[in-house]
């Protein structure tokens, strides 16, 4: 693992940085998750959103688009 970016402050940040940040994805569920989380982040820190990520997964049916649409 290389150096971490200076925005990494918490364990959730570190995990996200090391496993997801800057990695391309074509997984539709993951992209939908990022769309929802990015929208929720407006005015909040990314750390706050990452710490609430499991709650968002529960609220949005694990980001199953068809399930959310129903």
N, C-alpha and C. Protein backbone atom coordinates (compact mmCIF):
# COMPACT_ATOMS: atom_id res chain seq x y z
N UNK A 1 0.85 -1.18 0.00
CA UNK A 1 0.00 0.00 0.00
C UNK A 1 0.89 1.24 0.00
N UNK A 2 0.50 2.21 -0.81
CA UNK A 2 1.24 3.46 -0.86
C UNK A 2 0.78 4.40 0.24
N UNK A 3 1.23 5.63 0.14
CA UNK A 3 0.81 6.62 1.11
C UNK A 3 -0.67 6.93 0.96
N UNK A 4 -1.28 7.28 2.07
CA UNK A 4 -2.69 7.66 2.04
C UNK A 4 -2.82 9.16 1.82
N UNK A 5 -3.95 9.53 1.22
CA UNK A 5 -4.27 10.94 1.01
C UNK A 5 -4.47 11.63 2.36
N UNK A 6 -4.32 12.94 2.36
CA UNK A 6 -4.41 13.68 3.63
C UNK A 6 -5.83 13.79 4.17
N UNK A 7 -6.85 13.39 3.41
CA UNK A 7 -8.22 13.44 3.91
C UNK A 7 -8.57 12.22 4.76
N UNK A 8 -7.70 11.23 4.80
CA UNK A 8 -7.96 10.03 5.60
C UNK A 8 -7.77 10.37 7.07
N UNK A 9 -8.87 10.27 7.83
CA UNK A 9 -8.83 10.62 9.25
C UNK A 9 -9.31 9.49 10.16
N UNK A 10 -10.17 8.63 9.65
CA UNK A 10 -10.78 7.59 10.48
C UNK A 10 -10.50 6.21 9.90
N UNK A 11 -10.84 5.17 10.65
CA UNK A 11 -10.70 3.80 10.14
C UNK A 11 -11.59 3.59 8.91
N UNK A 12 -12.80 4.16 8.94
CA UNK A 12 -13.70 4.02 7.79
C UNK A 12 -13.09 4.71 6.57
N UNK A 13 -12.49 5.88 6.76
CA UNK A 13 -11.79 6.56 5.66
C UNK A 13 -10.67 5.69 5.11
N UNK A 14 -9.87 5.12 6.01
CA UNK A 14 -8.72 4.32 5.60
C UNK A 14 -9.16 3.09 4.80
N UNK A 15 -10.20 2.43 5.28
CA UNK A 15 -10.70 1.25 4.57
C UNK A 15 -11.20 1.65 3.18
N UNK A 16 -11.99 2.70 3.11
CA UNK A 16 -12.49 3.19 1.81
C UNK A 16 -11.32 3.56 0.90
N UNK A 17 -10.37 4.31 1.42
CA UNK A 17 -9.22 4.75 0.64
C UNK A 17 -8.44 3.55 0.09
N UNK A 18 -8.21 2.57 0.95
CA UNK A 18 -7.36 1.44 0.57
C UNK A 18 -8.05 0.42 -0.33
N UNK A 19 -9.38 0.36 -0.29
CA UNK A 19 -10.07 -0.69 -1.05
C UNK A 19 -10.95 -0.18 -2.19
N UNK A 20 -11.34 1.11 -2.16
CA UNK A 20 -12.27 1.60 -3.17
C UNK A 20 -11.81 2.85 -3.92
N UNK A 21 -11.21 3.78 -3.21
CA UNK A 21 -10.86 5.09 -3.76
C UNK A 21 -10.04 4.96 -5.04
N UNK A 22 -10.53 5.58 -6.10
CA UNK A 22 -9.80 5.64 -7.35
C UNK A 22 -9.82 4.36 -8.17
N UNK A 23 -10.61 3.39 -7.76
CA UNK A 23 -10.70 2.13 -8.51
C UNK A 23 -11.95 2.17 -9.38
N UNK A 24 -11.79 1.96 -10.66
CA UNK A 24 -12.96 1.98 -11.54
C UNK A 24 -13.90 0.82 -11.22
N UNK A 25 -15.18 1.05 -11.44
CA UNK A 25 -16.18 0.00 -11.21
C UNK A 25 -17.24 0.09 -12.30
N UNK A 26 -17.71 -1.08 -12.70
CA UNK A 26 -18.80 -1.17 -13.66
C UNK A 26 -19.99 -1.89 -13.03
N UNK A 27 -19.89 -2.11 -11.71
CA UNK A 27 -20.95 -2.79 -10.97
C UNK A 27 -22.09 -1.82 -10.72
N UNK A 28 -23.26 -2.09 -11.29
CA UNK A 28 -24.38 -1.16 -11.20
C UNK A 28 -24.84 -0.91 -9.77
N UNK A 29 -24.86 -1.93 -8.94
CA UNK A 29 -25.28 -1.74 -7.55
C UNK A 29 -24.30 -0.82 -6.82
N UNK A 30 -23.02 -1.03 -7.02
CA UNK A 30 -22.01 -0.18 -6.39
C UNK A 30 -22.12 1.26 -6.88
N UNK A 31 -22.32 1.44 -8.18
CA UNK A 31 -22.45 2.79 -8.72
C UNK A 31 -23.69 3.49 -8.18
N UNK A 32 -24.78 2.75 -8.02
CA UNK A 32 -26.00 3.31 -7.41
C UNK A 32 -25.73 3.70 -5.96
N UNK A 33 -25.00 2.84 -5.25
CA UNK A 33 -24.62 3.16 -3.86
C UNK A 33 -23.82 4.45 -3.80
N UNK A 34 -22.84 4.60 -4.67
CA UNK A 34 -22.01 5.81 -4.67
C UNK A 34 -22.85 7.04 -5.01
N UNK A 35 -23.80 6.90 -5.92
CA UNK A 35 -24.69 8.01 -6.26
C UNK A 35 -25.48 8.46 -5.03
N UNK A 36 -26.05 7.51 -4.31
CA UNK A 36 -26.82 7.83 -3.10
C UNK A 36 -25.92 8.44 -2.03
N UNK A 37 -24.77 7.83 -1.79
CA UNK A 37 -23.87 8.34 -0.74
C UNK A 37 -23.33 9.72 -1.08
N UNK A 38 -22.98 9.94 -2.33
CA UNK A 38 -22.49 11.26 -2.73
C UNK A 38 -23.57 12.32 -2.55
N UNK A 39 -24.81 11.98 -2.88
CA UNK A 39 -25.92 12.92 -2.67
C UNK A 39 -26.12 13.23 -1.20
N UNK A 40 -26.00 12.21 -0.37
CA UNK A 40 -26.17 12.40 1.08
C UNK A 40 -25.02 13.21 1.68
N UNK A 41 -23.91 13.21 1.03
CA UNK A 41 -22.71 13.86 1.56
C UNK A 41 -22.78 15.38 1.48
N UNK A 42 -23.66 15.93 0.68
CA UNK A 42 -23.74 17.39 0.52
C UNK A 42 -23.82 18.08 1.89
N UNK A 43 -22.80 18.83 2.20
CA UNK A 43 -22.76 19.56 3.45
C UNK A 43 -22.20 18.76 4.62
N UNK A 44 -21.94 17.50 4.43
CA UNK A 44 -21.38 16.66 5.48
C UNK A 44 -20.00 16.16 5.06
N UNK A 45 -19.23 15.69 6.01
CA UNK A 45 -17.94 15.11 5.66
C UNK A 45 -18.14 13.70 5.11
N UNK A 46 -17.23 13.27 4.26
CA UNK A 46 -17.30 11.92 3.72
C UNK A 46 -17.17 10.90 4.85
N UNK A 47 -16.39 11.21 5.87
CA UNK A 47 -16.26 10.31 7.03
C UNK A 47 -17.62 10.07 7.68
N UNK A 48 -18.43 11.10 7.80
CA UNK A 48 -19.76 10.96 8.38
C UNK A 48 -20.59 9.98 7.56
N UNK A 49 -20.54 10.11 6.26
CA UNK A 49 -21.30 9.22 5.37
C UNK A 49 -20.78 7.80 5.47
N UNK A 50 -19.48 7.62 5.45
CA UNK A 50 -18.91 6.27 5.55
C UNK A 50 -19.30 5.61 6.86
N UNK A 51 -19.34 6.38 7.93
CA UNK A 51 -19.73 5.82 9.23
C UNK A 51 -21.20 5.42 9.27
N UNK A 52 -22.00 5.97 8.40
CA UNK A 52 -23.43 5.65 8.34
C UNK A 52 -23.77 4.74 7.14
N UNK A 53 -22.76 4.24 6.48
CA UNK A 53 -22.95 3.47 5.26
C UNK A 53 -23.86 2.25 5.46
N UNK A 54 -23.69 1.53 6.53
CA UNK A 54 -24.54 0.36 6.78
C UNK A 54 -26.01 0.77 6.93
N UNK A 55 -26.25 1.90 7.55
CA UNK A 55 -27.62 2.41 7.67
C UNK A 55 -28.21 2.75 6.32
N UNK A 56 -27.41 3.34 5.43
CA UNK A 56 -27.87 3.62 4.07
C UNK A 56 -28.16 2.32 3.33
N UNK A 57 -27.32 1.31 3.53
CA UNK A 57 -27.58 0.01 2.88
C UNK A 57 -28.91 -0.56 3.33
N UNK A 58 -29.19 -0.45 4.61
CA UNK A 58 -30.48 -0.96 5.13
C UNK A 58 -31.64 -0.15 4.58
N UNK A 59 -31.50 1.16 4.56
CA UNK A 59 -32.58 2.04 4.10
C UNK A 59 -32.86 1.91 2.60
N UNK A 60 -31.84 1.56 1.84
CA UNK A 60 -31.97 1.48 0.39
C UNK A 60 -31.87 0.04 -0.12
N UNK A 61 -32.36 -0.92 0.66
CA UNK A 61 -32.46 -2.33 0.24
C UNK A 61 -31.15 -2.84 -0.36
N UNK A 62 -30.05 -2.54 0.34
CA UNK A 62 -28.72 -2.93 -0.12
C UNK A 62 -28.44 -2.43 -1.55
N UNK A 63 -29.05 -1.30 -1.86
CA UNK A 63 -28.87 -0.62 -3.15
C UNK A 63 -29.30 -1.46 -4.34
N UNK A 64 -30.34 -2.26 -4.12
CA UNK A 64 -30.98 -2.99 -5.22
C UNK A 64 -31.94 -2.01 -5.91
N UNK A 65 -31.58 -1.57 -7.10
CA UNK A 65 -32.34 -0.54 -7.80
C UNK A 65 -33.81 -0.92 -7.96
N UNK A 66 -34.10 -2.13 -8.39
CA UNK A 66 -35.49 -2.55 -8.59
C UNK A 66 -36.27 -2.53 -7.29
N UNK A 67 -35.63 -2.95 -6.21
CA UNK A 67 -36.29 -2.96 -4.91
C UNK A 67 -36.58 -1.53 -4.44
N UNK A 68 -35.63 -0.63 -4.62
CA UNK A 68 -35.83 0.77 -4.24
C UNK A 68 -36.93 1.39 -5.09
N UNK A 69 -36.96 1.06 -6.37
CA UNK A 69 -37.97 1.63 -7.27
C UNK A 69 -39.39 1.20 -6.87
N UNK A 70 -39.52 -0.01 -6.31
CA UNK A 70 -40.84 -0.46 -5.86
C UNK A 70 -41.25 0.29 -4.64
